């Protein structure tokens, strides 16, 4: 019991001091705009792993970090690291960061060529 309390205090202190990576703060959707947006760009990197899969897209000379679903949900959509290659054009549908100075995007859909991957199918915009 005493160790659990100590761990909780250490975690709280690390969060307050900013020692926890910003990606952890991105869990959930409160950091993103409510409106749907679309980005199209050139894939610079792809990662399908914990805590979330992600892409880096170059859009008009700026690199955007595109957060996808956790690895299992992303894989269920059919999207894997083999689904896209560096240099491919990709379009993502989802939500931009509320902070206009951050190039971060939470995608619910990824389109590469003729393939569409719905990584958060329940969050898709109405047709």
C-alpha atoms as a PDB file:
ATOM      1  CA  UNK A   1       0.000   0.000   0.000  1.00  0.00           C
ATOM      2  CA  UNK A   2       2.804   2.384   0.948  1.00  0.00           C
ATOM      3  CA  UNK A   3       4.642   1.669  -2.316  1.00  0.00           C
ATOM      4  CA  UNK A   4       1.511   2.369  -4.368  1.00  0.00           C
ATOM      5  CA  UNK A   5       1.113   5.736  -2.668  1.00  0.00           C
ATOM      6  CA  UNK A   6       4.776   6.551  -3.306  1.00  0.00           C
ATOM      7  CA  UNK A   7       4.448   5.606  -6.995  1.00  0.00           C
ATOM      8  CA  UNK A   8       1.338   7.776  -7.316  1.00  0.00           C
ATOM      9  CA  UNK A   9       3.192  10.732  -5.771  1.00  0.00           C
ATOM     10  CA  UNK A  10       6.160  10.268  -8.109  1.00  0.00           C
ATOM     11  CA  UNK A  11       3.865  10.066 -11.161  1.00  0.00           C
ATOM     12  CA  UNK A  12       1.946  13.167 -10.073  1.00  0.00           C
ATOM     13  CA  UNK A  13       5.197  15.055  -9.576  1.00  0.00           C
ATOM     14  CA  UNK A  14       6.523  13.973 -12.969  1.00  0.00           C
ATOM     15  CA  UNK A  15       3.316  15.074 -14.651  1.00  0.00           C
ATOM     16  CA  UNK A  16       3.410  18.446 -12.906  1.00  0.00           C
ATOM     17  CA  UNK A  17       7.061  18.967 -13.804  1.00  0.00           C
ATOM     18  CA  UNK A  18       6.477  18.127 -17.458  1.00  0.00           C
ATOM     19  CA  UNK A  19       8.679  15.033 -17.332  1.00  0.00           C
ATOM     20  CA  UNK A  20       6.007  12.848 -18.925  1.00  0.00           C
ATOM     21  CA  UNK A  21       6.249  12.909 -22.741  1.00  0.00           C
ATOM     22  CA  UNK A  22       3.635  15.071 -24.492  1.00  0.00           C
ATOM     23  CA  UNK A  23       2.284  12.059 -26.402  1.00  0.00           C
ATOM     24  CA  UNK A  24       0.746  10.762 -23.185  1.00  0.00           C
ATOM     25  CA  UNK A  25      -1.262  13.966 -22.920  1.00  0.00           C
ATOM     26  CA  UNK A  26      -2.763  13.208 -26.331  1.00  0.00           C
ATOM     27  CA  UNK A  27      -4.763  10.199 -25.175  1.00  0.00           C
ATOM     28  CA  UNK A  28      -8.405  10.989 -25.714  1.00  0.00           C
ATOM     29  CA  UNK A  29      -9.793  13.680 -27.972  1.00  0.00           C
ATOM     30  CA  UNK A  30     -10.044  16.826 -25.843  1.00  0.00           C
ATOM     31  CA  UNK A  31      -6.851  18.265 -27.356  1.00  0.00           C
ATOM     32  CA  UNK A  32      -8.325  18.207 -30.884  1.00  0.00           C
ATOM     33  CA  UNK A  33     -10.841  20.377 -32.708  1.00  0.00           C
ATOM     34  CA  UNK A  34     -14.393  19.089 -32.883  1.00  0.00           C
ATOM     35  CA  UNK A  35     -14.695  19.817 -36.620  1.00  0.00           C
ATOM     36  CA  UNK A  36     -13.447  17.312 -39.174  1.00  0.00           C
ATOM     37  CA  UNK A  37     -10.516  18.295 -41.359  1.00  0.00           C
ATOM     38  CA  UNK A  38      -8.570  16.633 -44.130  1.00  0.00           C
ATOM     39  CA  UNK A  39      -4.839  16.671 -44.808  1.00  0.00           C
ATOM     40  CA  UNK A  40      -3.063  15.348 -47.883  1.00  0.00           C
ATOM     41  CA  UNK A  41       0.679  15.031 -47.968  1.00  0.00           C
ATOM     42  CA  UNK A  42       3.736  12.914 -48.559  1.00  0.00           C
ATOM     43  CA  UNK A  43       4.514  10.149 -46.064  1.00  0.00           C
ATOM     44  CA  UNK A  44       7.824  10.757 -44.287  1.00  0.00           C
ATOM     45  CA  UNK A  45       7.526   7.929 -41.743  1.00  0.00           C
ATOM     46  CA  UNK A  46       5.095   5.343 -40.435  1.00  0.00           C
ATOM     47  CA  UNK A  47       4.989   3.587 -37.069  1.00  0.00           C
ATOM     48  CA  UNK A  48       2.466   0.989 -35.923  1.00  0.00           C
ATOM     49  CA  UNK A  49       3.124   0.446 -32.223  1.00  0.00           C
ATOM     50  CA  UNK A  50       2.265   1.624 -28.728  1.00  0.00           C
ATOM     51  CA  UNK A  51       0.728   3.794 -27.536  1.00  0.00           C
ATOM     52  CA  UNK A  52      -0.702   4.790 -30.958  1.00  0.00           C
ATOM     53  CA  UNK A  53       0.223   4.176 -34.549  1.00  0.00           C
ATOM     54  CA  UNK A  54       1.326   7.355 -36.297  1.00  0.00           C
ATOM     55  CA  UNK A  55       2.391   8.847 -39.567  1.00  0.00           C
ATOM     56  CA  UNK A  56       4.501  11.839 -40.347  1.00  0.00           C
ATOM     57  CA  UNK A  57       3.146  13.686 -43.366  1.00  0.00           C
ATOM     58  CA  UNK A  58       4.809  16.551 -45.163  1.00  0.00           C
ATOM     59  CA  UNK A  59       2.080  19.004 -46.123  1.00  0.00           C
ATOM     60  CA  UNK A  60       3.088  22.141 -48.022  1.00  0.00           C
ATOM     61  CA  UNK A  61       6.608  22.036 -46.583  1.00  0.00           C
ATOM     62  CA  UNK A  62       5.521  21.394 -42.979  1.00  0.00           C
ATOM     63  CA  UNK A  63       5.726  18.037 -41.220  1.00  0.00           C
ATOM     64  CA  UNK A  64       2.572  16.944 -39.406  1.00  0.00           C
ATOM     65  CA  UNK A  65       2.411  14.187 -36.800  1.00  0.00           C
ATOM     66  CA  UNK A  66      -0.715  12.149 -37.517  1.00  0.00           C
ATOM     67  CA  UNK A  67      -1.851  10.038 -34.603  1.00  0.00           C
ATOM     68  CA  UNK A  68      -3.893   6.941 -35.450  1.00  0.00           C
ATOM     69  CA  UNK A  69      -5.587   4.378 -33.203  1.00  0.00           C
ATOM     70  CA  UNK A  70      -3.768   2.023 -30.836  1.00  0.00           C
ATOM     71  CA  UNK A  71      -1.925  -0.770 -32.715  1.00  0.00           C
ATOM     72  CA  UNK A  72      -4.644  -3.448 -32.462  1.00  0.00           C
ATOM     73  CA  UNK A  73      -7.409  -1.152 -33.745  1.00  0.00           C
ATOM     74  CA  UNK A  74      -5.149   0.201 -36.490  1.00  0.00           C
ATOM     75  CA  UNK A  75      -4.294  -3.354 -37.600  1.00  0.00           C
ATOM     76  CA  UNK A  76      -8.002  -4.330 -37.570  1.00  0.00           C
ATOM     77  CA  UNK A  77      -8.601  -1.570 -40.104  1.00  0.00           C
ATOM     78  CA  UNK A  78      -6.042  -3.249 -42.369  1.00  0.00           C
ATOM     79  CA  UNK A  79      -3.481  -0.501 -41.936  1.00  0.00           C
ATOM     80  CA  UNK A  80       0.009  -1.854 -41.268  1.00  0.00           C
ATOM     81  CA  UNK A  81       3.504  -0.519 -41.834  1.00  0.00           C
ATOM     82  CA  UNK A  82       3.381  -2.316 -45.205  1.00  0.00           C
ATOM     83  CA  UNK A  83       0.236  -0.410 -46.288  1.00  0.00           C
ATOM     84  CA  UNK A  84       2.222   2.744 -46.992  1.00  0.00           C
ATOM     85  CA  UNK A  85       5.781   3.610 -47.955  1.00  0.00           C
ATOM     86  CA  UNK A  86       7.912   6.674 -47.476  1.00  0.00           C
ATOM     87  CA  UNK A  87       7.177   8.997 -50.377  1.00  0.00           C
ATOM     88  CA  UNK A  88       3.588   7.800 -50.903  1.00  0.00           C
ATOM     89  CA  UNK A  89       0.802  10.336 -50.959  1.00  0.00           C
ATOM     90  CA  UNK A  90      -1.735   9.868 -48.176  1.00  0.00           C
ATOM     91  CA  UNK A  91      -4.884  11.674 -47.107  1.00  0.00           C
ATOM     92  CA  UNK A  92      -6.088  11.642 -43.517  1.00  0.00           C
ATOM     93  CA  UNK A  93      -9.521  12.616 -42.242  1.00  0.00           C
ATOM     94  CA  UNK A  94      -9.923  13.601 -38.619  1.00  0.00           C
ATOM     95  CA  UNK A  95      -9.236  16.453 -36.236  1.00  0.00           C
ATOM     96  CA  UNK A  96      -6.485  19.067 -36.002  1.00  0.00           C
ATOM     97  CA  UNK A  97      -4.931  20.117 -32.721  1.00  0.00           C
ATOM     98  CA  UNK A  98      -6.723  22.940 -30.908  1.00  0.00           C
ATOM     99  CA  UNK A  99      -3.337  24.674 -30.744  1.00  0.00           C
ATOM    100  CA  UNK A 100      -2.825  26.275 -34.181  1.00  0.00           C
ATOM    101  CA  UNK A 101       0.945  26.337 -33.588  1.00  0.00           C
ATOM    102  CA  UNK A 102       1.129  22.533 -33.353  1.00  0.00           C
ATOM    103  CA  UNK A 103       1.165  20.360 -36.457  1.00  0.00           C
ATOM    104  CA  UNK A 104      -0.621  17.426 -34.811  1.00  0.00           C
ATOM    105  CA  UNK A 105      -3.635  15.622 -36.241  1.00  0.00           C
ATOM    106  CA  UNK A 106      -5.839  12.803 -34.886  1.00  0.00           C
ATOM    107  CA  UNK A 107      -6.945  10.666 -37.845  1.00  0.00           C
ATOM    108  CA  UNK A 108     -10.061   8.509 -38.019  1.00  0.00           C
ATOM    109  CA  UNK A 109      -9.468   7.533 -41.665  1.00  0.00           C
ATOM    110  CA  UNK A 110      -6.342   7.098 -43.789  1.00  0.00           C
ATOM    111  CA  UNK A 111      -6.479   6.915 -47.589  1.00  0.00           C
ATOM    112  CA  UNK A 112      -3.480   5.641 -49.534  1.00  0.00           C
ATOM    113  CA  UNK A 113      -4.012   5.255 -53.276  1.00  0.00           C
ATOM    114  CA  UNK A 114      -7.262   3.344 -53.751  1.00  0.00           C
ATOM    115  CA  UNK A 115      -7.232   1.897 -50.203  1.00  0.00           C
ATOM    116  CA  UNK A 116      -9.179   3.360 -47.298  1.00  0.00           C
ATOM    117  CA  UNK A 117      -8.412   2.425 -43.680  1.00  0.00           C
ATOM    118  CA  UNK A 118     -10.988   3.413 -41.055  1.00  0.00           C
ATOM    119  CA  UNK A 119      -8.935   3.309 -37.854  1.00  0.00           C
ATOM    120  CA  UNK A 120     -11.785   4.772 -35.779  1.00  0.00           C
ATOM    121  CA  UNK A 121     -14.891   3.701 -37.756  1.00  0.00           C
ATOM    122  CA  UNK A 122     -17.358   4.842 -35.060  1.00  0.00           C
ATOM    123  CA  UNK A 123     -15.953   8.374 -35.221  1.00  0.00           C
ATOM    124  CA  UNK A 124     -16.328   8.871 -38.957  1.00  0.00           C
ATOM    125  CA  UNK A 125     -18.208  11.975 -40.105  1.00  0.00           C
ATOM    126  CA  UNK A 126     -21.779  11.474 -41.286  1.00  0.00           C
ATOM    127  CA  UNK A 127     -21.990  10.523 -44.960  1.00  0.00           C
END
